[in-house]
Amino acid sequence: MAKSNYVIYKNVKVHYVQDGESLGKSVPTLFLHGWEGSVDSFMFVAKEIEGEKVLIDFPPFGESEKLKDVWGLEDYVNVVKLVLSRCHIERYDIVAHSFGGRVALILGCGLNVGKMVLTGCAGIKDRSLKTKCRVFGFKAKKFLCRCGLYSSEKLRGQGSADYLKLDGVMRQTFNNIINNDLRNILKCVESEVLLLWGEKDVAVPLKDAKLMQKKIKNCGLYVFDGGSHFCYIENSSAFIGAVKLFLGKWERCAYDKAMKS
């Protein structure tokens, strides 16, 4: 039976769910959701995975509290480590989506992570000329706004959809996170990695997955035809089948059947 618990990190109450029981040599599975997600994002997958599972609500989402101060990516990594310590878990596998993948990549550089399934994993900063020009233009407008030469109303309507939803502490936290380019740590990832990607993912394009596949030592890539950033939901049966097989918790014939459905 799933049990809800909390840990306190930097005066923030962080919610997590612990489910299932340890099975022999099988390690627990940690589920890390994407930005604005919650433990519910992966609950339908976790229910199909045998053994012990841990799902975390990254603050301020789900049942976790709002941030009191600005956080960086390392704070979210530390939250995961705190929860795992409270659960007395040392070695584990990871299933992560989008923002959760950022955290997973850092954790995967250590020796505590066995295998990782990453879908729509964020972490590669866009270095294209088009993006650089857009960022420069936005910064220039901010400067002009401070000088009274540009409308603050116009400035408020610019930025990504995720950015525009935020203010104060969360806006700066979001900036801290997306400004981390993790491409340089990919070669340090010690875990065996399976990338499951949507062909038409516009939030984290397929080219990022191909770069990860090239840079991570033990890494495979499967692409869902026509899939979006949420291909793990759109292709739930195939996704669950792939996770079970990769983590060693399902026979080959069942996997083949799922991937064809």
C-alpha atoms as a PDB file:
ATOM      1  CA  MET A   1       0.000   0.000   0.000  1.00  0.00           C
ATOM      2  CA  ALA A   2       1.331   3.450  -0.954  1.00  0.00           C
ATOM      3  CA  LYS A   3       2.401   5.618   1.974  1.00  0.00           C
ATOM      4  CA  SER A   4       2.684   9.412   1.860  1.00  0.00           C
ATOM      5  CA  ASN A   5       5.508  11.006   3.818  1.00  0.00           C
ATOM      6  CA  TYR A   6       7.322  14.340   4.104  1.00  0.00           C
ATOM      7  CA  VAL A   7      10.857  15.622   4.592  1.00  0.00           C
ATOM      8  CA  ILE A   8      11.915  19.187   5.353  1.00  0.00           C
ATOM      9  CA  TYR A   9      14.537  20.848   3.158  1.00  0.00           C
ATOM     10  CA  LYS A  10      15.380  24.550   3.519  1.00  0.00           C
ATOM     11  CA  ASN A  11      12.190  25.043   5.529  1.00  0.00           C
ATOM     12  CA  VAL A  12      10.116  23.546   2.718  1.00  0.00           C
ATOM     13  CA  LYS A  13       7.895  20.536   3.319  1.00  0.00           C
ATOM     14  CA  VAL A  14       8.528  18.032   0.513  1.00  0.00           C
ATOM     15  CA  HIS A  15       5.993  15.296  -0.174  1.00  0.00           C
ATOM     16  CA  TYR A  16       6.906  11.824  -1.416  1.00  0.00           C
ATOM     17  CA  VAL A  17       5.205   8.461  -1.796  1.00  0.00           C
ATOM     18  CA  GLN A  18       6.748   5.108  -0.977  1.00  0.00           C
ATOM     19  CA  ASP A  19       5.078   2.026  -2.418  1.00  0.00           C
ATOM     20  CA  GLY A  20       5.727  -1.694  -2.784  1.00  0.00           C
ATOM     21  CA  GLU A  21       8.220  -3.954  -1.055  1.00  0.00           C
ATOM     22  CA  SER A  22      11.814  -4.901  -1.709  1.00  0.00           C
ATOM     23  CA  LEU A  23      12.131  -8.025  -3.877  1.00  0.00           C
ATOM     24  CA  GLY A  24      15.351  -9.993  -3.416  1.00  0.00           C
ATOM     25  CA  LYS A  25      18.191  -8.463  -5.415  1.00  0.00           C
ATOM     26  CA  SER A  26      15.867  -6.055  -7.236  1.00  0.00           C
ATOM     27  CA  VAL A  27      16.660  -2.412  -6.438  1.00  0.00           C
ATOM     28  CA  PRO A  28      13.952   0.222  -5.791  1.00  0.00           C
ATOM     29  CA  THR A  29      12.735   2.437  -8.635  1.00  0.00           C
ATOM     30  CA  LEU A  30      12.747   6.222  -8.240  1.00  0.00           C
ATOM     31  CA  PHE A  31      10.278   8.246 -10.338  1.00  0.00           C
ATOM     32  CA  LEU A  32      11.035  11.918 -11.091  1.00  0.00           C
ATOM     33  CA  HIS A  33       8.334  13.995 -12.791  1.00  0.00           C
ATOM     34  CA  GLY A  34       8.639  16.960 -15.154  1.00  0.00           C
ATOM     35  CA  TRP A  35       8.099  20.652 -14.463  1.00  0.00           C
ATOM     36  CA  GLU A  36       4.569  21.295 -13.109  1.00  0.00           C
ATOM     37  CA  GLY A  37       4.064  17.545 -12.669  1.00  0.00           C
ATOM     38  CA  SER A  38       3.571  15.540  -9.478  1.00  0.00           C
ATOM     39  CA  VAL A  39       3.718  11.991  -8.123  1.00  0.00           C
ATOM     40  CA  ASP A  40       0.571  11.355 -10.173  1.00  0.00           C
ATOM     41  CA  SER A  41       2.522  11.928 -13.396  1.00  0.00           C
ATOM     42  CA  PHE A  42       4.172   8.521 -13.116  1.00  0.00           C
ATOM     43  CA  MET A  43       1.804   6.714 -10.753  1.00  0.00           C
ATOM     44  CA  PHE A  44       0.223   4.706 -13.598  1.00  0.00           C
ATOM     45  CA  VAL A  45       3.702   3.424 -14.502  1.00  0.00           C
ATOM     46  CA  ALA A  46       4.776   2.782 -10.913  1.00  0.00           C
ATOM     47  CA  LYS A  47       1.717   0.598 -10.297  1.00  0.00           C
ATOM     48  CA  GLU A  48       2.918  -1.750 -13.053  1.00  0.00           C
ATOM     49  CA  ILE A  49       6.480  -2.048 -11.740  1.00  0.00           C
ATOM     50  CA  GLU A  50       7.302  -4.732  -9.198  1.00  0.00           C
ATOM     51  CA  GLY A  51       9.252  -4.045  -6.045  1.00  0.00           C
ATOM     52  CA  GLU A  52       9.783  -0.876  -4.045  1.00  0.00           C
ATOM     53  CA  LYS A  53       8.983   2.486  -5.648  1.00  0.00           C
ATOM     54  CA  VAL A  54       9.535   6.087  -4.541  1.00  0.00           C
ATOM     55  CA  LEU A  55       7.818   9.080  -6.174  1.00  0.00           C
ATOM     56  CA  ILE A  56       8.627  12.684  -5.199  1.00  0.00           C
ATOM     57  CA  ASP A  57       6.654  15.925  -5.562  1.00  0.00           C
ATOM     58  CA  PHE A  58       9.277  18.488  -6.561  1.00  0.00           C
ATOM     59  CA  PRO A  59       8.433  21.765  -4.759  1.00  0.00           C
ATOM     60  CA  PRO A  60       6.241  23.681  -5.293  1.00  0.00           C
ATOM     61  CA  PHE A  61       4.241  21.052  -7.197  1.00  0.00           C
ATOM     62  CA  GLY A  62       1.878  18.346  -6.007  1.00  0.00           C
ATOM     63  CA  GLU A  63       1.531  18.252  -2.239  1.00  0.00           C
ATOM     64  CA  SER A  64       4.904  19.873  -1.561  1.00  0.00           C
ATOM     65  CA  GLU A  65       5.088  23.419  -0.197  1.00  0.00           C
ATOM     66  CA  LYS A  66       6.047  26.551  -2.090  1.00  0.00           C
ATOM     67  CA  LEU A  67       9.674  27.646  -2.006  1.00  0.00           C
ATOM     68  CA  LYS A  68      10.693  30.173   0.618  1.00  0.00           C
ATOM     69  CA  ASP A  69      13.890  31.164  -1.204  1.00  0.00           C
ATOM     70  CA  VAL A  70      15.399  30.816  -4.648  1.00  0.00           C
ATOM     71  CA  TRP A  71      16.603  27.285  -5.428  1.00  0.00           C
ATOM     72  CA  GLY A  72      19.039  25.905  -7.970  1.00  0.00           C
ATOM     73  CA  LEU A  73      19.181  22.514  -9.673  1.00  0.00           C
ATOM     74  CA  GLU A  74      21.493  21.213  -6.956  1.00  0.00           C
ATOM     75  CA  ASP A  75      18.773  21.834  -4.356  1.00  0.00           C
ATOM     76  CA  TYR A  76      16.426  19.495  -6.193  1.00  0.00           C
ATOM     77  CA  VAL A  77      19.201  16.896  -6.344  1.00  0.00           C
ATOM     78  CA  ASN A  78      19.718  17.285  -2.602  1.00  0.00           C
ATOM     79  CA  VAL A  79      15.978  16.828  -1.977  1.00  0.00           C
ATOM     80  CA  VAL A  80      16.099  13.489  -3.775  1.00  0.00           C
ATOM     81  CA  LYS A  81      19.123  12.399  -1.754  1.00  0.00           C
ATOM     82  CA  LEU A  82      17.365  13.400   1.473  1.00  0.00           C
ATOM     83  CA  VAL A  83      14.240  11.409   0.597  1.00  0.00           C
ATOM     84  CA  LEU A  84      16.290   8.346  -0.359  1.00  0.00           C
ATOM     85  CA  SER A  85      18.231   8.601   2.889  1.00  0.00           C
ATOM     86  CA  ARG A  86      14.963   8.758   4.843  1.00  0.00           C
ATOM     87  CA  CYS A  87      13.789   5.649   2.953  1.00  0.00           C
ATOM     88  CA  HIS A  88      17.110   3.880   3.704  1.00  0.00           C
ATOM     89  CA  ILE A  89      17.769   3.416  -0.011  1.00  0.00           C
ATOM     90  CA  GLU A  90      21.351   3.400  -1.251  1.00  0.00           C
ATOM     91  CA  ARG A  91      21.164   1.903  -4.749  1.00  0.00           C
ATOM     92  CA  TYR A  92      18.253   2.460  -7.107  1.00  0.00           C
ATOM     93  CA  ASP A  93      17.017   2.768 -10.698  1.00  0.00           C
ATOM     94  CA  ILE A  94      15.409   5.930 -12.106  1.00  0.00           C
ATOM     95  CA  VAL A  95      12.500   6.677 -14.433  1.00  0.00           C
ATOM     96  CA  ALA A  96      12.349  10.410 -15.226  1.00  0.00           C
ATOM     97  CA  HIS A  97      10.626  12.895 -17.516  1.00  0.00           C
ATOM     98  CA  SER A  98      11.783  16.329 -18.733  1.00  0.00           C
ATOM     99  CA  PHE A  99      12.905  18.415 -15.709  1.00  0.00           C
ATOM    100  CA  GLY A 100      13.174  15.224 -13.659  1.00  0.00           C
ATOM    101  CA  GLY A 101      15.723  14.078 -16.221  1.00  0.00           C
ATOM    102  CA  ARG A 102      17.976  17.010 -15.323  1.00  0.00           C
ATOM    103  CA  VAL A 103      18.085  15.758 -11.752  1.00  0.00           C
ATOM    104  CA  ALA A 104      18.536  12.172 -12.939  1.00  0.00           C
ATOM    105  CA  LEU A 105      21.561  13.020 -15.104  1.00  0.00           C
ATOM    106  CA  ILE A 106      23.384  14.505 -12.118  1.00  0.00           C
ATOM    107  CA  LEU A 107      22.476  11.555  -9.898  1.00  0.00           C
ATOM    108  CA  GLY A 108      23.575   9.189 -12.664  1.00  0.00           C
ATOM    109  CA  CYS A 109      27.123  10.520 -12.456  1.00  0.00           C
ATOM    110  CA  GLY A 110      27.476   8.751  -9.110  1.00  0.00           C
ATOM    111  CA  LEU A 111      27.720   5.053  -8.376  1.00  0.00           C
ATOM    112  CA  ASN A 112      24.371   4.676  -6.617  1.00  0.00           C
ATOM    113  CA  VAL A 113      22.202   4.578  -9.736  1.00  0.00           C
ATOM    114  CA  GLY A 114      21.869   1.291 -11.585  1.00  0.00           C
ATOM    115  CA  LYS A 115      19.798   2.041 -14.692  1.00  0.00           C
ATOM    116  CA  MET A 116      17.882   5.086 -15.920  1.00  0.00           C
ATOM    117  CA  VAL A 117      14.931   5.454 -18.279  1.00  0.00           C
ATOM    118  CA  LEU A 118      14.738   9.061 -19.461  1.00  0.00           C
ATOM    119  CA  THR A 119      11.914  10.443 -21.597  1.00  0.00           C
ATOM    120  CA  GLY A 120      11.914  13.976 -23.003  1.00  0.00           C
ATOM    121  CA  CYS A 121      14.917  14.598 -20.746  1.00  0.00           C
ATOM    122  CA  ALA A 122      15.834  18.279 -20.480  1.00  0.00           C
ATOM    123  CA  GLY A 123      19.345  19.559 -19.839  1.00  0.00           C
ATOM    124  CA  ILE A 124      20.835  20.498 -23.213  1.00  0.00           C
ATOM    125  CA  LYS A 125      20.881  24.268 -23.632  1.00  0.00           C
ATOM    126  CA  ASP A 126      20.020  25.516 -27.113  1.00  0.00           C
ATOM    127  CA  ARG A 127      23.119  27.213 -28.532  1.00  0.00           C
ATOM    128  CA  SER A 128      21.670  28.074 -31.940  1.00  0.00           C
ATOM    129  CA  LEU A 129      22.168  31.572 -33.364  1.00  0.00           C
ATOM    130  CA  LYS A 130      18.394  32.097 -33.444  1.00  0.00           C
ATOM    131  CA  THR A 131      18.087  31.417 -29.711  1.00  0.00           C
ATOM    132  CA  LYS A 132      21.132  33.566 -28.872  1.00  0.00           C
ATOM    133  CA  CYS A 133      19.618  36.476 -30.802  1.00  0.00           C
ATOM    134  CA  ARG A 134      16.266  36.037 -29.055  1.00  0.00           C
ATOM    135  CA  VAL A 135      17.912  35.995 -25.591  1.00  0.00           C
ATOM    136  CA  PHE A 136      20.062  39.026 -26.440  1.00  0.00           C
ATOM    137  CA  GLY A 137      16.981  40.899 -27.628  1.00  0.00           C
ATOM    138  CA  PHE A 138      15.099  40.094 -24.434  1.00  0.00           C
ATOM    139  CA  LYS A 139      18.009  41.257 -22.244  1.00  0.00           C
ATOM    140  CA  ALA A 140      18.322  44.435 -24.279  1.00  0.00           C
ATOM    141  CA  LYS A 141      14.626  45.181 -23.771  1.00  0.00           C
ATOM    142  CA  LYS A 142      15.012  44.607 -20.013  1.00  0.00           C
ATOM    143  CA  PHE A 143      17.858  47.137 -19.962  1.00  0.00           C
ATOM    144  CA  LEU A 144      15.796  49.666 -21.935  1.00  0.00           C
ATOM    145  CA  CYS A 145      12.871  49.061 -19.599  1.00  0.00           C
ATOM    146  CA  ARG A 146      15.040  49.976 -16.590  1.00  0.00           C
ATOM    147  CA  CYS A 147      16.053  53.153 -18.421  1.00  0.00           C
ATOM    148  CA  GLY A 148      12.409  54.019 -19.075  1.00  0.00           C
ATOM    149  CA  LEU A 149      12.813  53.575 -22.832  1.00  0.00           C
ATOM    150  CA  TYR A 150      10.686  50.447 -23.230  1.00  0.00           C
ATOM    151  CA  SER A 151       7.242  49.532 -21.960  1.00  0.00           C
ATOM    152  CA  SER A 152       7.237  47.205 -18.917  1.00  0.00           C
ATOM    153  CA  GLU A 153       3.799  45.988 -20.023  1.00  0.00           C
ATOM    154  CA  LYS A 154       5.204  44.742 -23.322  1.00  0.00           C
ATOM    155  CA  LEU A 155       8.109  43.073 -21.523  1.00  0.00           C
ATOM    156  CA  ARG A 156       5.795  41.107 -19.213  1.00  0.00           C
ATOM    157  CA  GLY A 157       4.271  39.322 -22.188  1.00  0.00           C
ATOM    158  CA  GLN A 158       7.594  37.973 -23.461  1.00  0.00           C
ATOM    159  CA  GLY A 159       9.308  34.734 -22.506  1.00  0.00           C
ATOM    160  CA  SER A 160       8.384  31.038 -22.558  1.00  0.00           C
ATOM    161  CA  ALA A 161       4.956  29.866 -21.408  1.00  0.00           C
ATOM    162  CA  ASP A 162       6.502  28.263 -18.295  1.00  0.00           C
ATOM    163  CA  TYR A 163       8.424  31.459 -17.495  1.00  0.00           C
ATOM    164  CA  LEU A 164       5.383  33.725 -17.851  1.00  0.00           C
ATOM    165  CA  LYS A 165       3.390  31.662 -15.346  1.00  0.00           C
ATOM    166  CA  LEU A 166       5.946  32.361 -12.621  1.00  0.00           C
ATOM    167  CA  ASP A 167       6.974  35.312 -10.511  1.00  0.00           C
ATOM    168  CA  GLY A 168       9.360  36.175  -7.707  1.00  0.00           C
ATOM    169  CA  VAL A 169      11.193  33.237  -6.177  1.00  0.00           C
ATOM    170  CA  MET A 170       9.931  30.676  -8.700  1.00  0.00           C
ATOM    171  CA  ARG A 171      10.840  32.796 -11.716  1.00  0.00           C
ATOM    172  CA  GLN A 172      14.447  33.102 -10.538  1.00  0.00           C
ATOM    173  CA  THR A 173      14.498  29.398  -9.642  1.00  0.00           C
ATOM    174  CA  PHE A 174      13.281  28.553 -13.148  1.00  0.00           C
ATOM    175  CA  ASN A 175      16.028  30.718 -14.643  1.00  0.00           C
ATOM    176  CA  ASN A 176      18.656  28.999 -12.481  1.00  0.00           C
ATOM    177  CA  ILE A 177      17.496  25.614 -13.732  1.00  0.00           C
ATOM    178  CA  ILE A 178      17.246  26.282 -17.455  1.00  0.00           C
ATOM    179  CA  ASN A 179      20.591  28.092 -17.505  1.00  0.00           C
ATOM    180  CA  ASN A 180      22.307  24.840 -16.534  1.00  0.00           C
ATOM    181  CA  ASP A 181      23.738  23.203 -19.660  1.00  0.00           C
ATOM    182  CA  LEU A 182      24.377  19.580 -18.713  1.00  0.00           C
ATOM    183  CA  ARG A 183      25.991  18.457 -21.971  1.00  0.00           C
ATOM    184  CA  ASN A 184      29.426  18.520 -20.343  1.00  0.00           C
ATOM    185  CA  ILE A 185      28.454  15.981 -17.679  1.00  0.00           C
ATOM    186  CA  LEU A 186      26.986  13.430 -20.097  1.00  0.00           C
ATOM    187  CA  LYS A 187      30.338  11.676 -20.432  1.00  0.00           C
ATOM    188  CA  CYS A 188      30.399  11.307 -16.641  1.00  0.00           C
ATOM    189  CA  VAL A 189      27.117   9.385 -16.424  1.00  0.00           C
ATOM    190  CA  GLU A 190      27.948   5.935 -15.047  1.00  0.00           C
ATOM    191  CA  SER A 191      24.454   4.455 -15.311  1.00  0.00           C
ATOM    192  CA  GLU A 192      23.118   2.388 -18.170  1.00  0.00           C
ATOM    193  CA  VAL A 193      20.566   4.627 -19.897  1.00  0.00           C
ATOM    194  CA  LEU A 194      17.526   4.058 -22.118  1.00  0.00           C
ATOM    195  CA  LEU A 195      16.114   7.138 -23.864  1.00  0.00           C
ATOM    196  CA  LEU A 196      12.448   6.927 -24.882  1.00  0.00           C
ATOM    197  CA  TRP A 197      11.555   9.938 -27.037  1.00  0.00           C
ATOM    198  CA  GLY A 198       8.705  11.424 -29.001  1.00  0.00           C
ATOM    199  CA  GLU A 199       9.566  11.994 -32.653  1.00  0.00           C
ATOM    200  CA  LYS A 200       7.774  15.348 -32.635  1.00  0.00           C
ATOM    201  CA  ASP A 201       8.797  16.550 -29.170  1.00  0.00           C
ATOM    202  CA  VAL A 202       9.005  20.344 -29.494  1.00  0.00           C
ATOM    203  CA  ALA A 203       9.810  21.030 -25.823  1.00  0.00           C
ATOM    204  CA  VAL A 204      12.974  18.899 -25.913  1.00  0.00           C
ATOM    205  CA  PRO A 205      13.732  18.047 -29.562  1.00  0.00           C
ATOM    206  CA  LEU A 206      14.923  14.677 -30.796  1.00  0.00           C
ATOM    207  CA  LYS A 207      18.340  16.154 -31.629  1.00  0.00           C
ATOM    208  CA  ASP A 208      18.957  16.470 -27.875  1.00  0.00           C
ATOM    209  CA  ALA A 209      18.252  12.765 -27.430  1.00  0.00           C
ATOM    210  CA  LYS A 210      20.687  11.915 -30.229  1.00  0.00           C
ATOM    211  CA  LEU A 211      23.371  14.040 -28.564  1.00  0.00           C
ATOM    212  CA  MET A 212      22.773  12.260 -25.248  1.00  0.00           C
ATOM    213  CA  GLN A 213      22.959   8.879 -26.970  1.00  0.00           C
ATOM    214  CA  LYS A 214      26.298   9.865 -28.490  1.00  0.00           C
ATOM    215  CA  LYS A 215      27.841  11.288 -25.295  1.00  0.00           C
ATOM    216  CA  ILE A 216      26.598   8.841 -22.621  1.00  0.00           C
ATOM    217  CA  LYS A 217      28.746   5.707 -22.505  1.00  0.00           C
ATOM    218  CA  ASN A 218      26.027   3.070 -22.156  1.00  0.00           C
ATOM    219  CA  CYS A 219      22.979   4.541 -23.845  1.00  0.00           C
ATOM    220  CA  GLY A 220      20.231   3.389 -26.207  1.00  0.00           C
ATOM    221  CA  LEU A 221      17.468   5.371 -27.917  1.00  0.00           C
ATOM    222  CA  TYR A 222      13.954   4.373 -28.984  1.00  0.00           C
ATOM    223  CA  VAL A 223      11.760   6.906 -30.827  1.00  0.00           C
ATOM    224  CA  PHE A 224       7.956   6.841 -30.751  1.00  0.00           C
ATOM    225  CA  ASP A 225       6.677   7.761 -34.217  1.00  0.00           C
ATOM    226  CA  GLY A 226       4.660  10.969 -34.053  1.00  0.00           C
ATOM    227  CA  GLY A 227       5.119  11.143 -30.270  1.00  0.00           C
ATOM    228  CA  SER A 228       5.169  14.432 -28.370  1.00  0.00           C
ATOM    229  CA  HIS A 229       6.907  15.542 -25.178  1.00  0.00           C
ATOM    230  CA  PHE A 230       4.441  13.312 -23.351  1.00  0.00           C
ATOM    231  CA  CYS A 231       5.023  10.186 -25.420  1.00  0.00           C
ATOM    232  CA  TYR A 232       5.149   8.121 -22.229  1.00  0.00           C
ATOM    233  CA  ILE A 233       1.441   8.846 -21.755  1.00  0.00           C
ATOM    234  CA  GLU A 234       0.483   8.614 -25.434  1.00  0.00           C
ATOM    235  CA  ASN A 235       2.232   5.238 -25.731  1.00  0.00           C
ATOM    236  CA  SER A 236       1.694   4.051 -22.162  1.00  0.00           C
ATOM    237  CA  SER A 237       1.619   0.280 -22.833  1.00  0.00           C
ATOM    238  CA  ALA A 238       4.785   0.351 -24.926  1.00  0.00           C
ATOM    239  CA  PHE A 239       6.497   2.688 -22.455  1.00  0.00           C
ATOM    240  CA  ILE A 240       5.686   0.457 -19.482  1.00  0.00           C
ATOM    241  CA  GLY A 241       6.830  -2.587 -21.424  1.00  0.00           C
ATOM    242  CA  ALA A 242      10.146  -0.946 -22.279  1.00  0.00           C
ATOM    243  CA  VAL A 243      10.704   0.117 -18.664  1.00  0.00           C
ATOM    244  CA  LYS A 244       9.973  -3.379 -17.360  1.00  0.00           C
ATOM    245  CA  LEU A 245      12.294  -5.038 -19.851  1.00  0.00           C
ATOM    246  CA  PHE A 246      15.127  -2.551 -19.361  1.00  0.00           C
ATOM    247  CA  LEU A 247      14.936  -2.777 -15.587  1.00  0.00           C
ATOM    248  CA  GLY A 248      14.848  -6.569 -15.850  1.00  0.00           C
ATOM    249  CA  LYS A 249      11.289  -6.994 -14.641  1.00  0.00           C
ATOM    250  CA  TRP A 250       9.462  -8.415 -17.665  1.00  0.00           C
ATOM    251  CA  GLU A 251       9.999 -11.249 -20.145  1.00  0.00           C
ATOM    252  CA  ARG A 252      10.914 -10.543 -23.765  1.00  0.00           C
ATOM    253  CA  CYS A 253       7.735 -11.902 -25.376  1.00  0.00           C
ATOM    254  CA  ALA A 254       5.523  -9.528 -23.361  1.00  0.00           C
ATOM    255  CA  TYR A 255       7.756  -6.602 -24.315  1.00  0.00           C
ATOM    256  CA  ASP A 256       7.533  -7.389 -28.033  1.00  0.00           C
ATOM    257  CA  LYS A 257       3.761  -7.582 -27.811  1.00  0.00           C
ATOM    258  CA  ALA A 258       3.572  -4.214 -25.992  1.00  0.00           C
ATOM    259  CA  MET A 259       5.854  -2.415 -28.471  1.00  0.00           C
ATOM    260  CA  LYS A 260       3.617  -3.537 -31.359  1.00  0.00           C
ATOM    261  CA  SER A 261       0.391  -2.358 -29.717  1.00  0.00           C
END
